[in-house]
Amino acid sequence: MLATTAIHTSSAAAAITPQPRLVKAAHEFEGQMMKELLQPMTAKDAMLRSDDETDAGSGGALGEFASETLGRALSEGGGFGIANQIIHDLASSGNHKVTSR
């Protein structure tokens, strides 16, 4: 009886198709979280930097873009599963297309 319930639950979950906007937003959210976690690993250590080295130029912007892209790619590849959990929870709780009346 328990196995039958699990089959019905998984088929019901598979029938729910989340909106593309929800999927994109969930992956962007997880990507931003991962970017913040990666930031300390990619930041230059201020104690190791000499006085003549500065953050002038596009290195800061390029590093920011690289961290954001890496975070989003990791999220879309599975990441920590945060995006998938958000998609599952919100899609099953009533993420339906709004139609105008």
PDB file of N, CA and C in Angstrom:
ATOM      1  N   MET A   1       0.817  -1.188   0.000  1.00  0.00           N
ATOM      2  CA  MET A   1       0.000   0.000   0.000  1.00  0.00           C
ATOM      3  C   MET A   1       0.866   1.258   0.000  1.00  0.00           C
ATOM      4  N   LEU A   2       1.948   1.246   0.752  1.00  0.00           N
ATOM      5  CA  LEU A   2       2.840   2.384   0.823  1.00  0.00           C
ATOM      6  C   LEU A   2       3.505   2.638  -0.520  1.00  0.00           C
ATOM      7  N   ALA A   3       3.917   1.581  -1.211  1.00  0.00           N
ATOM      8  CA  ALA A   3       4.552   1.736  -2.515  1.00  0.00           C
ATOM      9  C   ALA A   3       3.590   2.347  -3.520  1.00  0.00           C
ATOM     10  N   THR A   4       2.333   1.984  -3.453  1.00  0.00           N
ATOM     11  CA  THR A   4       1.324   2.537  -4.362  1.00  0.00           C
ATOM     12  C   THR A   4       1.158   4.025  -4.128  1.00  0.00           C
ATOM     13  N   THR A   5       1.166   4.445  -2.864  1.00  0.00           N
ATOM     14  CA  THR A   5       1.038   5.857  -2.537  1.00  0.00           C
ATOM     15  C   THR A   5       2.226   6.636  -3.071  1.00  0.00           C
ATOM     16  N   ALA A   6       3.423   6.087  -2.958  1.00  0.00           N
ATOM     17  CA  ALA A   6       4.618   6.762  -3.456  1.00  0.00           C
ATOM     18  C   ALA A   6       4.561   6.928  -4.965  1.00  0.00           C
ATOM     19  N   ILE A   7       4.038   5.930  -5.662  1.00  0.00           N
ATOM     20  CA  ILE A   7       3.934   6.010  -7.115  1.00  0.00           C
ATOM     21  C   ILE A   7       2.948   7.103  -7.508  1.00  0.00           C
ATOM     22  N   HIS A   8       1.820   7.182  -6.831  1.00  0.00           N
ATOM     23  CA  HIS A   8       0.826   8.202  -7.143  1.00  0.00           C
ATOM     24  C   HIS A   8       1.365   9.594  -6.833  1.00  0.00           C
ATOM     25  N   THR A   9       2.102   9.739  -5.749  1.00  0.00           N
ATOM     26  CA  THR A   9       2.665  11.021  -5.380  1.00  0.00           C
ATOM     27  C   THR A   9       3.686  11.483  -6.408  1.00  0.00           C
ATOM     28  N   SER A  10       4.566  10.585  -6.834  1.00  0.00           N
ATOM     29  CA  SER A  10       5.588  10.984  -7.792  1.00  0.00           C
ATOM     30  C   SER A  10       4.985  11.284  -9.153  1.00  0.00           C
ATOM     31  N   SER A  11       3.939  10.563  -9.571  1.00  0.00           N
ATOM     32  CA  SER A  11       3.318  10.851 -10.855  1.00  0.00           C
ATOM     33  C   SER A  11       2.554  12.168 -10.807  1.00  0.00           C
ATOM     34  N   ALA A  12       1.972  12.489  -9.659  1.00  0.00           N
ATOM     35  CA  ALA A  12       1.279  13.772  -9.516  1.00  0.00           C
ATOM     36  C   ALA A  12       2.276  14.919  -9.557  1.00  0.00           C
ATOM     37  N   ALA A  13       3.444  14.730  -8.938  1.00  0.00           N
ATOM     38  CA  ALA A  13       4.470  15.769  -8.959  1.00  0.00           C
ATOM     39  C   ALA A  13       5.029  15.945 -10.358  1.00  0.00           C
ATOM     40  N   ALA A  14       5.146  14.856 -11.106  1.00  0.00           N
ATOM     41  CA  ALA A  14       5.675  14.940 -12.461  1.00  0.00           C
ATOM     42  C   ALA A  14       4.688  15.627 -13.394  1.00  0.00           C
ATOM     43  N   ALA A  15       3.395  15.579 -13.078  1.00  0.00           N
ATOM     44  CA  ALA A  15       2.387  16.198 -13.920  1.00  0.00           C
ATOM     45  C   ALA A  15       2.405  17.718 -13.811  1.00  0.00           C
ATOM     46  N   ILE A  16       2.942  18.252 -12.735  1.00  0.00           N
ATOM     47  CA  ILE A  16       3.005  19.693 -12.528  1.00  0.00           C
ATOM     48  C   ILE A  16       4.201  20.236 -13.301  1.00  0.00           C
ATOM     49  N   THR A  17       3.929  21.153 -14.222  1.00  0.00           N
ATOM     50  CA  THR A  17       4.993  21.777 -14.997  1.00  0.00           C
ATOM     51  C   THR A  17       5.166  23.207 -14.503  1.00  0.00           C
ATOM     52  N   PRO A  18       6.321  23.527 -13.935  1.00  0.00           N
ATOM     53  CA  PRO A  18       6.523  24.884 -13.423  1.00  0.00           C
ATOM     54  C   PRO A  18       6.670  25.888 -14.562  1.00  0.00           C
ATOM     55  N   GLN A  19       6.315  27.110 -14.273  1.00  0.00           N
ATOM     56  CA  GLN A  19       6.465  28.181 -15.254  1.00  0.00           C
ATOM     57  C   GLN A  19       7.955  28.445 -15.488  1.00  0.00           C
ATOM     58  N   PRO A  20       8.333  28.780 -16.706  1.00  0.00           N
ATOM     59  CA  PRO A  20       9.743  29.081 -16.993  1.00  0.00           C
ATOM     60  C   PRO A  20      10.287  30.225 -16.143  1.00  0.00           C
ATOM     61  N   ARG A  21       9.430  31.205 -15.821  1.00  0.00           N
ATOM     62  CA  ARG A  21       9.882  32.315 -14.974  1.00  0.00           C
ATOM     63  C   ARG A  21      10.292  31.833 -13.600  1.00  0.00           C
ATOM     64  N   LEU A  22       9.557  30.878 -13.050  1.00  0.00           N
ATOM     65  CA  LEU A  22       9.876  30.320 -11.739  1.00  0.00           C
ATOM     66  C   LEU A  22      11.207  29.582 -11.783  1.00  0.00           C
ATOM     67  N   VAL A  23      11.410  28.796 -12.819  1.00  0.00           N
ATOM     68  CA  VAL A  23      12.654  28.031 -12.953  1.00  0.00           C
ATOM     69  C   VAL A  23      13.846  28.984 -13.055  1.00  0.00           C
ATOM     70  N   LYS A  24      13.715  30.011 -13.890  1.00  0.00           N
ATOM     71  CA  LYS A  24      14.798  30.977 -14.068  1.00  0.00           C
ATOM     72  C   LYS A  24      15.101  31.714 -12.758  1.00  0.00           C
ATOM     73  N   ALA A  25      14.055  32.167 -12.078  1.00  0.00           N
ATOM     74  CA  ALA A  25      14.247  32.906 -10.825  1.00  0.00           C
ATOM     75  C   ALA A  25      14.873  32.036  -9.751  1.00  0.00           C
ATOM     76  N   ALA A  26      14.460  30.776  -9.666  1.00  0.00           N
ATOM     77  CA  ALA A  26      15.020  29.869  -8.662  1.00  0.00           C
ATOM     78  C   ALA A  26      16.505  29.637  -8.907  1.00  0.00           C
ATOM     79  N   HIS A  27      16.899  29.450 -10.179  1.00  0.00           N
ATOM     80  CA  HIS A  27      18.306  29.236 -10.486  1.00  0.00           C
ATOM     81  C   HIS A  27      19.121  30.510 -10.294  1.00  0.00           C
ATOM     82  N   GLU A  28      18.534  31.664 -10.581  1.00  0.00           N
ATOM     83  CA  GLU A  28      19.239  32.925 -10.329  1.00  0.00           C
ATOM     84  C   GLU A  28      19.460  33.118  -8.835  1.00  0.00           C
ATOM     85  N   PHE A  29      18.456  32.791  -8.034  1.00  0.00           N
ATOM     86  CA  PHE A  29      18.574  32.911  -6.581  1.00  0.00           C
ATOM     87  C   PHE A  29      19.692  32.013  -6.058  1.00  0.00           C
ATOM     88  N   GLU A  30      19.675  30.735  -6.468  1.00  0.00           N
ATOM     89  CA  GLU A  30      20.709  29.819  -6.005  1.00  0.00           C
ATOM     90  C   GLU A  30      22.080  30.244  -6.540  1.00  0.00           C
ATOM     91  N   GLY A  31      22.119  30.741  -7.767  1.00  0.00           N
ATOM     92  CA  GLY A  31      23.377  31.223  -8.339  1.00  0.00           C
ATOM     93  C   GLY A  31      23.960  32.377  -7.539  1.00  0.00           C
ATOM     94  N   GLN A  32      23.097  33.307  -7.101  1.00  0.00           N
ATOM     95  CA  GLN A  32      23.563  34.427  -6.280  1.00  0.00           C
ATOM     96  C   GLN A  32      24.086  33.942  -4.926  1.00  0.00           C
ATOM     97  N   MET A  33      23.397  32.964  -4.348  1.00  0.00           N
ATOM     98  CA  MET A  33      23.874  32.402  -3.075  1.00  0.00           C
ATOM     99  C   MET A  33      25.236  31.742  -3.260  1.00  0.00           C
ATOM    100  N   MET A  34      25.387  30.995  -4.343  1.00  0.00           N
ATOM    101  CA  MET A  34      26.656  30.321  -4.592  1.00  0.00           C
ATOM    102  C   MET A  34      27.761  31.329  -4.890  1.00  0.00           C
ATOM    103  N   LYS A  35      27.405  32.429  -5.570  1.00  0.00           N
ATOM    104  CA  LYS A  35      28.383  33.482  -5.838  1.00  0.00           C
ATOM    105  C   LYS A  35      28.909  34.061  -4.526  1.00  0.00           C
ATOM    106  N   GLU A  36      27.992  34.292  -3.589  1.00  0.00           N
ATOM    107  CA  GLU A  36      28.402  34.824  -2.292  1.00  0.00           C
ATOM    108  C   GLU A  36      29.295  33.841  -1.538  1.00  0.00           C
ATOM    109  N   LEU A  37      29.028  32.545  -1.684  1.00  0.00           N
ATOM    110  CA  LEU A  37      29.874  31.547  -1.034  1.00  0.00           C
ATOM    111  C   LEU A  37      31.236  31.433  -1.722  1.00  0.00           C
ATOM    112  N   LEU A  38      31.282  31.657  -3.025  1.00  0.00           N
ATOM    113  CA  LEU A  38      32.538  31.570  -3.772  1.00  0.00           C
ATOM    114  C   LEU A  38      33.389  32.824  -3.624  1.00  0.00           C
ATOM    115  N   GLN A  39      32.770  33.929  -3.277  1.00  0.00           N
ATOM    116  CA  GLN A  39      33.469  35.215  -3.227  1.00  0.00           C
ATOM    117  C   GLN A  39      34.722  35.207  -2.342  1.00  0.00           C
ATOM    118  N   PRO A  40      34.690  34.657  -1.134  1.00  0.00           N
ATOM    119  CA  PRO A  40      35.917  34.651  -0.334  1.00  0.00           C
ATOM    120  C   PRO A  40      37.050  33.836  -0.969  1.00  0.00           C
ATOM    121  N   MET A  41      36.703  32.829  -1.737  1.00  0.00           N
ATOM    122  CA  MET A  41      37.742  32.008  -2.368  1.00  0.00           C
ATOM    123  C   MET A  41      38.364  32.697  -3.570  1.00  0.00           C
ATOM    124  N   THR A  42      37.611  33.593  -4.208  1.00  0.00           N
ATOM    125  CA  THR A  42      38.121  34.243  -5.407  1.00  0.00           C
ATOM    126  C   THR A  42      38.653  35.640  -5.143  1.00  0.00           C
ATOM    127  N   ALA A  43      38.412  36.180  -3.961  1.00  0.00           N
ATOM    128  CA  ALA A  43      38.877  37.526  -3.634  1.00  0.00           C
ATOM    129  C   ALA A  43      40.376  37.510  -3.352  1.00  0.00           C
ATOM    130  N   LYS A  44      41.010  38.604  -3.733  1.00  0.00           N
ATOM    131  CA  LYS A  44      42.437  38.741  -3.419  1.00  0.00           C
ATOM    132  C   LYS A  44      42.581  39.001  -1.931  1.00  0.00           C
ATOM    133  N   ASP A  45      43.573  38.403  -1.340  1.00  0.00           N
ATOM    134  CA  ASP A  45      43.821  38.588   0.088  1.00  0.00           C
ATOM    135  C   ASP A  45      44.531  39.928   0.288  1.00  0.00           C
ATOM    136  N   ALA A  46      43.939  40.796   1.066  1.00  0.00           N
ATOM    137  CA  ALA A  46      44.480  42.135   1.287  1.00  0.00           C
ATOM    138  C   ALA A  46      45.829  42.090   1.996  1.00  0.00           C
ATOM    139  N   MET A  47      46.085  41.073   2.802  1.00  0.00           N
ATOM    140  CA  MET A  47      47.350  40.998   3.529  1.00  0.00           C
ATOM    141  C   MET A  47      48.507  40.587   2.615  1.00  0.00           C
ATOM    142  N   LEU A  48      48.204  39.862   1.553  1.00  0.00           N
ATOM    143  CA  LEU A  48      49.247  39.420   0.635  1.00  0.00           C
ATOM    144  C   LEU A  48      49.520  40.421  -0.477  1.00  0.00           C
ATOM    145  N   ARG A  49      48.668  41.406  -0.627  1.00  0.00           N
ATOM    146  CA  ARG A  49      48.795  42.381  -1.697  1.00  0.00           C
ATOM    147  C   ARG A  49      49.807  43.449  -1.305  1.00  0.00           C
ATOM    148  N   SER A  50      50.654  43.842  -2.244  1.00  0.00           N
ATOM    149  CA  SER A  50      51.610  44.916  -1.973  1.00  0.00           C
ATOM    150  C   SER A  50      50.919  46.258  -2.151  1.00  0.00           C
ATOM    151  N   ASP A  51      51.562  47.322  -1.667  1.00  0.00           N
ATOM    152  CA  ASP A  51      50.951  48.651  -1.720  1.00  0.00           C
ATOM    153  C   ASP A  51      50.732  49.151  -3.138  1.00  0.00           C
ATOM    154  N   ASP A  52      51.577  48.725  -4.094  1.00  0.00           N
ATOM    155  CA  ASP A  52      51.436  49.233  -5.454  1.00  0.00           C
ATOM    156  C   ASP A  52      50.362  48.490  -6.251  1.00  0.00           C
ATOM    157  N   GLU A  53      49.851  47.391  -5.716  1.00  0.00           N
ATOM    158  CA  GLU A  53      48.773  46.673  -6.396  1.00  0.00           C
ATOM    159  C   GLU A  53      47.442  47.275  -5.988  1.00  0.00           C
ATOM    160  N   THR A  54      46.633  47.620  -6.965  1.00  0.00           N
ATOM    161  CA  THR A  54      45.314  48.181  -6.688  1.00  0.00           C
ATOM    162  C   THR A  54      44.270  47.395  -7.452  1.00  0.00           C
ATOM    163  N   ASP A  55      43.043  47.644  -7.132  1.00  0.00           N
ATOM    164  CA  ASP A  55      41.935  46.992  -7.822  1.00  0.00           C
ATOM    165  C   ASP A  55      41.447  47.826  -8.995  1.00  0.00           C
ATOM    166  N   ALA A  56      42.260  48.740  -9.467  1.00  0.00           N
ATOM    167  CA  ALA A  56      41.860  49.578 -10.591  1.00  0.00           C
ATOM    168  C   ALA A  56      41.708  48.731 -11.843  1.00  0.00           C
ATOM    169  N   GLY A  57      40.868  49.219 -12.731  1.00  0.00           N
ATOM    170  CA  GLY A  57      40.656  48.491 -13.975  1.00  0.00           C
ATOM    171  C   GLY A  57      39.435  47.612 -13.896  1.00  0.00           C
ATOM    172  N   SER A  58      39.355  46.708 -14.854  1.00  0.00           N
ATOM    173  CA  SER A  58      38.158  45.880 -14.947  1.00  0.00           C
ATOM    174  C   SER A  58      38.306  44.546 -14.238  1.00  0.00           C
ATOM    175  N   GLY A  59      39.400  44.306 -13.531  1.00  0.00           N
ATOM    176  CA  GLY A  59      39.585  43.039 -12.834  1.00  0.00           C
ATOM    177  C   GLY A  59      38.491  42.759 -11.831  1.00  0.00           C
ATOM    178  N   GLY A  60      38.047  43.783 -11.114  1.00  0.00           N
ATOM    179  CA  GLY A  60      36.974  43.606 -10.144  1.00  0.00           C
ATOM    180  C   GLY A  60      35.660  43.245 -10.806  1.00  0.00           C
ATOM    181  N   ALA A  61      35.343  43.950 -11.887  1.00  0.00           N
ATOM    182  CA  ALA A  61      34.097  43.678 -12.608  1.00  0.00           C
ATOM    183  C   ALA A  61      34.147  42.315 -13.280  1.00  0.00           C
ATOM    184  N   LEU A  62      35.299  41.979 -13.837  1.00  0.00           N
ATOM    185  CA  LEU A  62      35.450  40.690 -14.504  1.00  0.00           C
ATOM    186  C   LEU A  62      35.360  39.549 -13.490  1.00  0.00           C
ATOM    187  N   GLY A  63      35.963  39.729 -12.331  1.00  0.00           N
ATOM    188  CA  GLY A  63      35.885  38.719 -11.274  1.00  0.00           C
ATOM    189  C   GLY A  63      34.466  38.541 -10.776  1.00  0.00           C
ATOM    190  N   GLU A  64      33.741  39.647 -10.655  1.00  0.00           N
ATOM    191  CA  GLU A  64      32.338  39.608 -10.237  1.00  0.00           C
ATOM    192  C   GLU A  64      31.502  38.842 -11.254  1.00  0.00           C
ATOM    193  N   PHE A  65      31.719  39.138 -12.525  1.00  0.00           N
ATOM    194  CA  PHE A  65      30.990  38.449 -13.602  1.00  0.00           C
ATOM    195  C   PHE A  65      31.324  36.960 -13.617  1.00  0.00           C
ATOM    196  N   ALA A  66      32.598  36.637 -13.424  1.00  0.00           N
ATOM    197  CA  ALA A  66      33.019  35.235 -13.425  1.00  0.00           C
ATOM    198  C   ALA A  66      32.384  34.476 -12.255  1.00  0.00           C
ATOM    199  N   SER A  67      32.359  35.083 -11.084  1.00  0.00           N
ATOM    200  CA  SER A  67      31.747  34.431  -9.916  1.00  0.00           C
ATOM    201  C   SER A  67      30.253  34.229 -10.118  1.00  0.00           C
ATOM    202  N   GLU A  68      29.589  35.237 -10.696  1.00  0.00           N
ATOM    203  CA  GLU A  68      28.145  35.131 -10.938  1.00  0.00           C
ATOM    204  C   GLU A  68      27.843  34.048 -11.969  1.00  0.00           C
ATOM    205  N   THR A  69      28.638  34.003 -13.035  1.00  0.00           N
ATOM    206  CA  THR A  69      28.444  32.991 -14.070  1.00  0.00           C
ATOM    207  C   THR A  69      28.721  31.598 -13.532  1.00  0.00           C
ATOM    208  N   LEU A  70      29.775  31.449 -12.750  1.00  0.00           N
ATOM    209  CA  LEU A  70      30.097  30.161 -12.156  1.00  0.00           C
ATOM    210  C   LEU A  70      28.993  29.709 -11.203  1.00  0.00           C
ATOM    211  N   GLY A  71      28.495  30.624 -10.384  1.00  0.00           N
ATOM    212  CA  GLY A  71      27.408  30.287  -9.461  1.00  0.00           C
ATOM    213  C   GLY A  71      26.155  29.842 -10.191  1.00  0.00           C
ATOM    214  N   ARG A  72      25.797  30.554 -11.275  1.00  0.00           N
ATOM    215  CA  ARG A  72      24.603  30.184 -12.039  1.00  0.00           C
ATOM    216  C   ARG A  72      24.799  28.838 -12.731  1.00  0.00           C
ATOM    217  N   ALA A  73      25.986  28.606 -13.289  1.00  0.00           N
ATOM    218  CA  ALA A  73      26.254  27.328 -13.960  1.00  0.00           C
ATOM    219  C   ALA A  73      26.205  26.169 -12.969  1.00  0.00           C
ATOM    220  N   LEU A  74      26.760  26.361 -11.789  1.00  0.00           N
ATOM    221  CA  LEU A  74      26.694  25.315 -10.762  1.00  0.00           C
ATOM    222  C   LEU A  74      25.250  25.044 -10.353  1.00  0.00           C
ATOM    223  N   SER A  75      24.449  26.095 -10.240  1.00  0.00           N
ATOM    224  CA  SER A  75      23.052  25.934  -9.871  1.00  0.00           C
ATOM    225  C   SER A  75      22.286  25.159 -10.937  1.00  0.00           C
ATOM    226  N   GLU A  76      22.500  25.510 -12.200  1.00  0.00           N
ATOM    227  CA  GLU A  76      21.791  24.831 -13.282  1.00  0.00           C
ATOM    228  C   GLU A  76      22.246  23.385 -13.426  1.00  0.00           C
ATOM    229  N   GLY A  77      23.450  23.082 -12.952  1.00  0.00           N
ATOM    230  CA  GLY A  77      23.952  21.717 -12.986  1.00  0.00           C
ATOM    231  C   GLY A  77      23.538  20.898 -11.771  1.00  0.00           C
ATOM    232  N   GLY A  78      22.770  21.488 -10.891  1.00  0.00           N
ATOM    233  CA  GLY A  78      22.316  20.760  -9.706  1.00  0.00           C
ATOM    234  C   GLY A  78      22.599  21.530  -8.431  1.00  0.00           C
ATOM    235  N   GLY A  79      23.763  22.147  -8.355  1.00  0.00           N
ATOM    236  CA  GLY A  79      24.117  22.963  -7.199  1.00  0.00           C
ATOM    237  C   GLY A  79      23.884  22.257  -5.882  1.00  0.00           C
ATOM    238  N   PHE A  80      23.333  22.999  -4.934  1.00  0.00           N
ATOM    239  CA  PHE A  80      23.002  22.443  -3.625  1.00  0.00           C
ATOM    240  C   PHE A  80      21.591  21.877  -3.610  1.00  0.00           C
ATOM    241  N   GLY A  81      20.866  22.033  -4.705  1.00  0.00           N
ATOM    242  CA  GLY A  81      19.492  21.555  -4.769  1.00  0.00           C
ATOM    243  C   GLY A  81      18.484  22.575  -4.267  1.00  0.00           C
ATOM    244  N   ILE A  82      18.939  23.778  -3.962  1.00  0.00           N
ATOM    245  CA  ILE A  82      18.046  24.815  -3.449  1.00  0.00           C
ATOM    246  C   ILE A  82      17.048  25.228  -4.521  1.00  0.00           C
ATOM    247  N   ALA A  83      17.532  25.445  -5.742  1.00  0.00           N
ATOM    248  CA  ALA A  83      16.636  25.850  -6.831  1.00  0.00           C
ATOM    249  C   ALA A  83      15.597  24.780  -7.105  1.00  0.00           C
ATOM    250  N   ASN A  84      16.016  23.521  -7.126  1.00  0.00           N
ATOM    251  CA  ASN A  84      15.072  22.438  -7.379  1.00  0.00           C
ATOM    252  C   ASN A  84      14.016  22.356  -6.281  1.00  0.00           C
ATOM    253  N   GLN A  85      14.409  22.592  -5.038  1.00  0.00           N
ATOM    254  CA  GLN A  85      13.451  22.560  -3.934  1.00  0.00           C
ATOM    255  C   GLN A  85      12.468  23.721  -4.038  1.00  0.00           C
ATOM    256  N   ILE A  86      12.964  24.899  -4.399  1.00  0.00           N
ATOM    257  CA  ILE A  86      12.090  26.064  -4.573  1.00  0.00           C
ATOM    258  C   ILE A  86      11.083  25.784  -5.685  1.00  0.00           C
ATOM    259  N   ILE A  87      11.577  25.257  -6.807  1.00  0.00           N
ATOM    260  CA  ILE A  87      10.699  24.953  -7.939  1.00  0.00           C
ATOM    261  C   ILE A  87       9.637  23.944  -7.525  1.00  0.00           C
ATOM    262  N   HIS A  88      10.058  22.901  -6.840  1.00  0.00           N
ATOM    263  CA  HIS A  88       9.117  21.855  -6.414  1.00  0.00           C
ATOM    264  C   HIS A  88       8.065  22.423  -5.468  1.00  0.00           C
ATOM    265  N   ASP A  89       8.502  23.175  -4.466  1.00  0.00           N
ATOM    266  CA  ASP A  89       7.572  23.700  -3.465  1.00  0.00           C
ATOM    267  C   ASP A  89       6.594  24.707  -4.064  1.00  0.00           C
ATOM    268  N   LEU A  90       7.107  25.630  -4.867  1.00  0.00           N
ATOM    269  CA  LEU A  90       6.229  26.661  -5.402  1.00  0.00           C
ATOM    270  C   LEU A  90       5.351  26.153  -6.538  1.00  0.00           C
ATOM    271  N   ALA A  91       5.864  25.238  -7.338  1.00  0.00           N
ATOM    272  CA  ALA A  91       5.057  24.702  -8.438  1.00  0.00           C
ATOM    273  C   ALA A  91       3.903  23.865  -7.902  1.00  0.00           C
ATOM    274  N   SER A  92       4.154  23.129  -6.846  1.00  0.00           N
ATOM    275  CA  SER A  92       3.087  22.279  -6.304  1.00  0.00           C
ATOM    276  C   SER A  92       2.128  23.041  -5.408  1.00  0.00           C
ATOM    277  N   SER A  93       2.509  24.262  -4.985  1.00  0.00           N
ATOM    278  CA  SER A  93       1.632  25.018  -4.092  1.00  0.00           C
ATOM    279  C   SER A  93       0.748  26.011  -4.822  1.00  0.00           C
ATOM    280  N   GLY A  94       0.734  25.950  -6.135  1.00  0.00           N
ATOM    281  CA  GLY A  94      -0.210  26.805  -6.843  1.00  0.00           C
ATOM    282  C   GLY A  94       0.423  27.776  -7.806  1.00  0.00           C
ATOM    283  N   ASN A  95       1.522  27.442  -8.409  1.00  0.00           N
ATOM    284  CA  ASN A  95       2.162  28.286  -9.401  1.00  0.00           C
ATOM    285  C   ASN A  95       1.440  28.079 -10.733  1.00  0.00           C
ATOM    286  N   HIS A  96       0.335  28.767 -10.908  1.00  0.00           N
ATOM    287  CA  HIS A  96      -0.459  28.598 -12.119  1.00  0.00           C
ATOM    288  C   HIS A  96      -0.408  29.881 -12.928  1.00  0.00           C
ATOM    289  N   LYS A  97      -0.558  29.754 -14.215  1.00  0.00           N
ATOM    290  CA  LYS A  97      -0.569  30.931 -15.082  1.00  0.00           C
ATOM    291  C   LYS A  97      -1.819  31.757 -14.777  1.00  0.00           C
ATOM    292  N   VAL A  98      -1.614  33.054 -14.715  1.00  0.00           N
ATOM    293  CA  VAL A  98      -2.728  33.953 -14.461  1.00  0.00           C
ATOM    294  C   VAL A  98      -3.312  34.360 -15.813  1.00  0.00           C
ATOM    295  N   THR A  99      -4.588  34.187 -15.959  1.00  0.00           N
ATOM    296  CA  THR A  99      -5.241  34.586 -17.197  1.00  0.00           C
ATOM    297  C   THR A  99      -6.084  35.803 -16.923  1.00  0.00           C
ATOM    298  N   SER A 100      -6.118  36.704 -17.883  1.00  0.00           N
ATOM    299  CA  SER A 100      -6.923  37.908 -17.704  1.00  0.00           C
ATOM    300  C   SER A 100      -8.391  37.577 -17.925  1.00  0.00           C
ATOM    301  N   ARG A 101      -9.231  38.300 -17.228  1.00  0.00           N
ATOM    302  CA  ARG A 101     -10.671  38.019 -17.317  1.00  0.00           C
ATOM    303  C   ARG A 101     -11.343  38.950 -18.281  1.00  0.00           C
TER     304      ARG A 101
END
